[in-house]
Each structure stands twice: as structure tokens, then as C-alpha cells.
Amino acid sequence: MQQAEKKFVPSQQEPEQKKGKKKEKEKKTLKQEIMSWIWTILAALAIALLIRAFIAEPIRVDGTSMTNTLQDGEIVLVSKLDYLFGEKQRNDIVICRYPGRMNGSVNIGAAVSLDSYTLFVKRLVALPGDTVEIKDGHLYVNDEMVPDPEYQGSVPRNFEKITLGEDEYFVMGDNRRTSHDSRSDDVGPISASAIMGKVKCVILPFSKIRGVQ
């Protein structure tokens, strides 16, 4: 007795099942692609924030308080590394903030917030423990007259001698006639935490690229 030959008859549902799996796979792939882009963007933002916080960032000069050294509208490169691994020096040009000049704060977590400050570009003329005095139009630090380069309006008003405290730094603009700085009652000497970085060079406009000192 012959045994009936078994024939395989493909199910009509199989192509449909394969199509469904293919579509599901495509959806997963698209989702993975989107998530990959999101993580890439977030990583780039995190790296940019770390660079600005700990390495360097560009800052625009606004105003004439540092004329003739820096001009209104120039973009300077501010180094953070100089003060992470080195000491602040007299005559450094710095980016700093003043007391009570916070523009606002944004909470991004239970104990984390982002604070926005008005920043100023000034020259660091005296360090903790130094004495500072301005008389007869000249700046004296530790009773020694500081040579006065060709600053615009370089005849500042007199300033009575003071001795800086343990964490006090005295900053002034090179345009001493008009600069709002540590000589003012609403500013005074600033702390180390208020000094954000050291100005290294002008990077824009391209025709003005130069180092500063």
C-alpha cells in the first residue's frame, strides 16, 4: 500500500506575518535613530557647557571702560584654565561679576539652578593684602606708583588708601575716567569667586585679532 506523499502547502498568512515583523523592525530602527540623534545633541551640549565652564569661552566687550586696550564690540577669548591651575596676577585683564548684579535664576532640579550675571571686563590691579590708593591722578599699589600706559581719560579721581582683605581683589577699567569698578561704593573689592576668567586675546573681528596684556 502506497503512502500518500505529503506536500507542504505554504500558509497564506506567512507573508503577512513577515510584512508585519518588517514594519515593526523599521519602526524600532527609526525610534533608535531618533534617540541616537537626541543623545548626540545632549552630549554635544554637555561638552560645550563643560568647555565654557572649565576651559574657555568667548565674551563680547560692551562699552568703553577698557579703551584703549579693548574696544566696544570686540569679542575676546576668556581662559578658565589659567585660574584653575594658576594664581591671579596683578595687571591681568579679567572677566568678573559685581555684587547684586544677578539677572535671574532658573531652577533645573531640586537643588540645582542656573544663575545669570552681568559680566564686566576689568584689569586686576591689586591682590589680597595689598594697599590701594589713587592720588594726584596716579594709582599706587603698596605705596609704589603703577606706571600708567596711554589709557583714554587716564586721570582718575582720588581714592583714599585701603588695605585689601584675605579674599579681596581690586579691579579697575583702563579708561579710568569713566569706568565703574572697585572704586565705587556699590562695587568695592570683589572676591576670587567673582572672577570668572582671564582675557587672553581678541578673536573678532578678524582684522583686530591680537593678544592683550
Protein backbone atom coordinates (compact mmCIF):
# COMPACT_ATOMS: atom_id res chain seq x y z
CA MET A 1 0.00 0.00 0.00
CA GLN A 2 1.44 3.23 -1.10
CA GLN A 3 1.73 6.01 1.41
CA ALA A 4 0.31 9.28 0.28
CA GLU A 5 3.02 11.85 -0.46
CA LYS A 6 2.96 14.75 1.91
CA LYS A 7 3.15 18.10 0.25
CA PHE A 8 3.99 21.34 2.02
CA VAL A 9 1.44 23.98 1.30
CA PRO A 10 2.67 27.44 2.37
CA SER A 11 0.31 29.27 4.63
CA GLN A 12 -1.23 32.39 3.17
CA GLN A 13 -0.66 34.16 6.47
CA GLU A 14 3.15 33.85 6.45
CA PRO A 15 3.86 36.72 4.00
CA GLU A 16 1.57 38.93 6.04
CA GLN A 17 3.35 37.95 9.27
CA LYS A 18 6.74 38.72 7.67
CA LYS A 19 5.49 42.10 6.49
CA GLY A 20 4.25 42.89 9.99
CA LYS A 21 7.61 41.97 11.53
CA LYS A 22 9.41 44.05 8.91
CA LYS A 23 7.29 47.10 9.67
CA GLU A 24 7.85 46.60 13.40
CA LYS A 25 11.59 46.37 12.80
CA GLU A 26 11.53 49.54 10.70
CA LYS A 27 9.66 51.37 13.45
CA LYS A 28 12.19 50.27 16.04
CA THR A 29 15.04 51.33 13.80
CA LEU A 30 13.50 54.79 13.28
CA LYS A 31 12.95 55.15 17.00
CA GLN A 32 16.54 54.15 17.69
CA GLU A 33 17.74 56.65 15.09
CA ILE A 34 15.78 59.48 16.71
CA MET A 35 17.05 58.55 20.18
CA SER A 36 20.59 58.41 18.81
CA TRP A 37 20.27 61.97 17.49
CA ILE A 38 18.80 63.17 20.79
CA TRP A 39 21.67 61.67 22.80
CA THR A 40 24.20 63.09 20.35
CA ILE A 41 22.73 66.59 20.73
CA LEU A 42 22.61 66.29 24.53
CA ALA A 43 26.21 65.08 24.62
CA ALA A 44 27.32 67.98 22.41
CA LEU A 45 25.53 70.47 24.68
CA ALA A 46 27.09 68.92 27.78
CA ILE A 47 30.58 69.10 26.22
CA ALA A 48 30.01 72.73 25.18
CA LEU A 49 28.89 73.63 28.72
CA LEU A 50 31.91 71.90 30.23
CA ILE A 51 34.24 73.73 27.85
CA ARG A 52 32.66 77.08 28.73
CA ALA A 53 32.74 76.32 32.45
CA PHE A 54 36.27 74.96 32.78
CA ILE A 55 38.33 75.74 29.66
CA ALA A 56 37.43 78.89 27.70
CA GLU A 57 34.59 80.92 26.24
CA PRO A 58 34.14 83.95 24.00
CA ILE A 59 32.83 87.17 25.59
CA ARG A 60 31.71 90.36 23.84
CA VAL A 61 33.11 93.67 25.15
CA ASP A 62 30.21 96.04 25.82
CA GLY A 63 31.15 99.67 26.42
CA THR A 64 34.30 101.77 26.58
CA SER A 65 35.57 101.14 30.11
CA MET A 66 38.64 99.27 28.76
CA THR A 67 39.54 101.70 25.95
CA ASN A 68 42.23 101.85 24.58
CA THR A 69 43.16 98.26 25.42
CA LEU A 70 39.84 96.77 24.28
CA GLN A 71 37.23 98.34 22.05
CA ASP A 72 33.44 98.26 22.29
CA GLY A 73 32.03 95.29 20.33
CA GLU A 74 35.22 93.21 20.19
CA ILE A 75 35.00 89.51 21.04
CA VAL A 76 37.65 88.24 23.45
CA LEU A 77 38.65 84.70 24.38
CA VAL A 78 38.47 84.13 28.13
CA SER A 79 40.56 81.33 29.64
CA LYS A 80 39.23 79.44 32.67
CA LEU A 81 42.24 77.13 32.90
CA ASP A 82 44.61 79.94 33.90
CA TYR A 83 42.93 80.27 37.28
CA LEU A 84 42.10 76.58 37.73
CA PHE A 85 45.80 75.71 37.68
CA GLY A 86 47.47 79.07 38.34
CA GLU A 87 47.35 82.15 40.53
CA LYS A 88 45.79 85.50 39.73
CA GLN A 89 48.40 88.13 38.94
CA ARG A 90 48.41 91.91 39.15
CA ASN A 91 47.71 93.51 35.79
CA ASP A 92 45.66 90.56 34.47
CA ILE A 93 42.64 91.54 32.38
CA VAL A 94 39.72 89.58 33.79
CA ILE A 95 36.04 88.89 33.31
CA CYS A 96 34.22 89.35 36.61
CA ARG A 97 30.83 89.92 38.17
CA TYR A 98 29.76 92.51 40.71
CA PRO A 99 27.74 92.08 43.94
CA GLY A 100 23.99 92.32 43.40
CA ARG A 101 24.20 92.12 39.61
CA MET A 102 22.46 88.76 39.09
CA ASN A 103 19.99 88.96 36.20
CA GLY A 104 17.97 85.91 37.17
CA SER A 105 17.98 82.27 38.22
CA VAL A 106 16.40 79.19 36.62
CA ASN A 107 15.77 76.07 38.73
CA ILE A 108 16.55 72.85 36.86
CA GLY A 109 16.29 70.42 39.76
CA ALA A 110 15.66 70.02 43.46
CA ALA A 111 18.97 71.61 44.44
CA VAL A 112 20.34 72.82 41.11
CA SER A 113 19.84 76.23 39.47
CA LEU A 114 21.40 78.23 36.67
CA ASP A 115 22.24 81.83 37.62
CA SER A 116 22.67 84.61 35.07
CA TYR A 117 25.01 87.52 35.85
CA THR A 118 26.04 90.76 34.21
CA LEU A 119 29.73 90.33 33.39
CA PHE A 120 32.39 93.05 33.31
CA VAL A 121 35.85 93.22 31.78
CA LYS A 122 38.39 94.96 34.03
CA ARG A 123 42.05 95.00 34.98
CA LEU A 124 43.14 93.31 38.21
CA VAL A 125 45.27 95.99 39.84
CA ALA A 126 45.67 94.70 43.42
CA LEU A 127 45.60 91.36 45.28
CA PRO A 128 44.70 90.31 48.85
CA GLY A 129 46.87 92.11 51.41
CA ASP A 130 47.82 94.93 49.00
CA THR A 131 47.21 98.58 49.76
CA VAL A 132 45.48 100.65 47.06
CA GLU A 133 45.41 104.43 46.70
CA ILE A 134 44.81 106.97 43.96
CA LYS A 135 46.24 110.45 44.44
CA ASP A 136 47.11 113.26 42.08
CA GLY A 137 45.78 111.18 39.19
CA HIS A 138 48.09 108.21 39.80
CA LEU A 139 47.42 104.69 41.05
CA TYR A 140 49.58 103.46 43.95
CA VAL A 141 49.74 99.80 45.00
CA ASN A 142 51.74 99.07 48.17
CA ASP A 143 52.89 102.72 48.07
CA GLU A 144 54.51 102.27 44.65
CA MET A 145 53.15 104.21 41.69
CA VAL A 146 51.83 101.93 38.96
CA PRO A 147 53.06 103.06 35.51
CA ASP A 148 50.12 104.49 33.63
CA PRO A 149 50.04 103.38 29.96
CA GLU A 150 48.25 105.50 27.40
CA TYR A 151 44.77 104.91 28.72
CA GLN A 152 41.99 107.07 27.36
CA GLY A 153 40.95 109.55 30.04
CA SER A 154 43.70 108.42 32.38
CA VAL A 155 43.17 111.00 35.13
CA PRO A 156 41.05 109.22 37.75
CA ARG A 157 39.62 110.88 40.83
CA ASN A 158 41.45 110.44 44.11
CA PHE A 159 40.76 107.33 46.18
CA GLU A 160 41.67 107.04 49.85
CA LYS A 161 44.14 104.30 50.74
CA ILE A 162 42.67 100.94 51.76
CA THR A 163 44.18 97.56 52.60
CA LEU A 164 42.57 94.57 50.90
CA GLY A 165 41.35 91.66 53.00
CA GLU A 166 42.13 87.96 52.70
CA ASP A 167 39.78 87.35 49.77
CA GLU A 168 39.58 90.81 48.20
CA TYR A 169 40.70 91.87 44.73
CA PHE A 170 40.66 95.41 43.34
CA VAL A 171 39.63 95.84 39.70
CA MET A 172 39.64 98.94 37.51
CA GLY A 173 38.89 99.75 33.90
CA ASP A 174 41.71 101.08 31.74
CA ASN A 175 39.52 104.04 30.83
CA ARG A 176 39.73 105.18 34.42
CA ARG A 177 37.76 108.38 34.00
CA THR A 178 34.52 106.59 33.08
CA SER A 179 34.92 103.01 34.38
CA HIS A 180 32.52 101.73 37.01
CA ASP A 181 34.71 99.47 39.17
CA SER A 182 36.06 98.72 42.66
CA ARG A 183 36.35 102.44 43.41
CA SER A 184 32.55 102.68 43.50
CA ASP A 185 30.65 102.17 46.76
CA ASP A 186 28.21 99.72 45.14
CA VAL A 187 31.07 97.52 43.88
CA GLY A 188 34.15 97.70 46.11
CA PRO A 189 36.76 94.94 46.20
CA ILE A 190 35.49 91.63 44.76
CA SER A 191 36.12 88.04 45.86
CA ALA A 192 38.01 85.32 43.98
CA SER A 193 34.72 83.55 43.20
CA ALA A 194 33.55 86.67 41.33
CA ILE A 195 36.47 86.45 38.88
CA MET A 196 35.35 84.21 36.01
CA GLY A 197 38.48 84.02 33.88
CA LYS A 198 41.44 85.74 32.26
CA VAL A 199 41.20 87.54 28.91
CA LYS A 200 43.84 86.10 26.57
CA CYS A 201 43.23 87.68 23.17
CA VAL A 202 40.81 89.39 20.81
CA ILE A 203 39.35 86.88 18.31
CA LEU A 204 36.81 89.05 16.45
CA PRO A 205 36.65 90.99 14.24
CA PHE A 206 39.32 89.15 12.26
CA SER A 207 41.06 92.41 11.35
CA LYS A 208 41.60 93.08 15.09
CA ILE A 209 42.91 89.68 16.21
CA ARG A 210 45.66 90.21 18.81
CA GLY A 211 46.90 89.23 22.21
CA VAL A 212 46.16 91.55 25.13
CA GLN A 213 48.11 92.43 28.25
